[in-house]
Protein backbone atom coordinates (compact mmCIF):
# COMPACT_ATOMS: atom_id res chain seq x y z
CA UNK A 1 -13.62 9.67 4.63
CA UNK A 2 -10.07 10.48 5.40
CA UNK A 3 -7.37 8.04 6.17
CA UNK A 4 -4.10 8.17 8.19
CA UNK A 5 -0.30 7.09 7.60
CA UNK A 6 2.67 6.93 8.95
CA UNK A 7 5.93 5.78 7.71
CA UNK A 8 8.22 4.16 9.52
CA UNK A 9 11.41 1.55 9.33
CA UNK A 10 12.56 -1.34 11.78
CA UNK A 11 16.06 -2.72 11.57
CA UNK A 12 16.79 -6.57 12.78
CA UNK A 13 17.76 -5.33 16.26
CA UNK A 14 13.56 -4.05 16.36
CA UNK A 15 14.58 -0.99 16.64
CA UNK A 16 11.82 1.86 14.94
CA UNK A 17 12.64 4.72 13.47
CA UNK A 18 9.76 7.30 12.01
CA UNK A 19 10.57 8.10 8.22
CA UNK A 20 7.24 10.23 7.90
CA UNK A 21 5.30 11.43 10.55
CA UNK A 22 1.66 10.47 10.61
CA UNK A 23 -0.36 12.34 8.51
CA UNK A 24 -4.04 12.60 6.66
CA UNK A 25 -4.13 10.67 3.18
CA UNK A 26 -7.10 10.66 0.62
CA UNK A 27 -8.61 7.25 -0.10
CA UNK A 28 -7.50 6.39 -4.26
CA UNK A 29 -10.49 6.79 -6.45
CA UNK A 30 -9.52 3.18 -8.06
CA UNK A 31 -6.31 1.09 -8.73
CA UNK A 32 -4.27 1.67 -11.38
CA UNK A 33 -3.53 -0.67 -14.25
CA UNK A 34 0.21 -1.88 -14.26
CA UNK A 35 2.46 -4.53 -15.96
CA UNK A 36 4.56 -4.93 -13.02
CA UNK A 37 6.08 -7.90 -11.34
CA UNK A 38 5.35 -9.83 -9.95
CA UNK A 39 1.15 -9.68 -11.60
CA UNK A 40 -1.59 -8.55 -9.68
CA UNK A 41 -3.92 -11.57 -8.98
CA UNK A 42 -6.84 -9.80 -8.12
CA UNK A 43 -10.48 -10.87 -9.92
CA UNK A 44 -10.38 -8.11 -12.19
CA UNK A 45 -6.41 -8.54 -13.04
CA UNK A 46 -6.54 -12.33 -13.80
CA UNK A 47 -10.81 -12.29 -15.27
CA UNK A 48 -11.41 -15.05 -12.49
CA UNK A 49 -14.22 -14.90 -10.20
CA UNK A 50 -14.41 -16.20 -6.54
């Protein structure tokens, strides 16, 4: 099922500006592992169950 995304900026006065118009994108097949900061807190990354 395709999804759509639209990228825009909002300044401190609440004005918006479109950075990229609406486009159709395919959902990711999986989430890549990363050592980025801050660390992910999902069950898969932390090894804990809800």
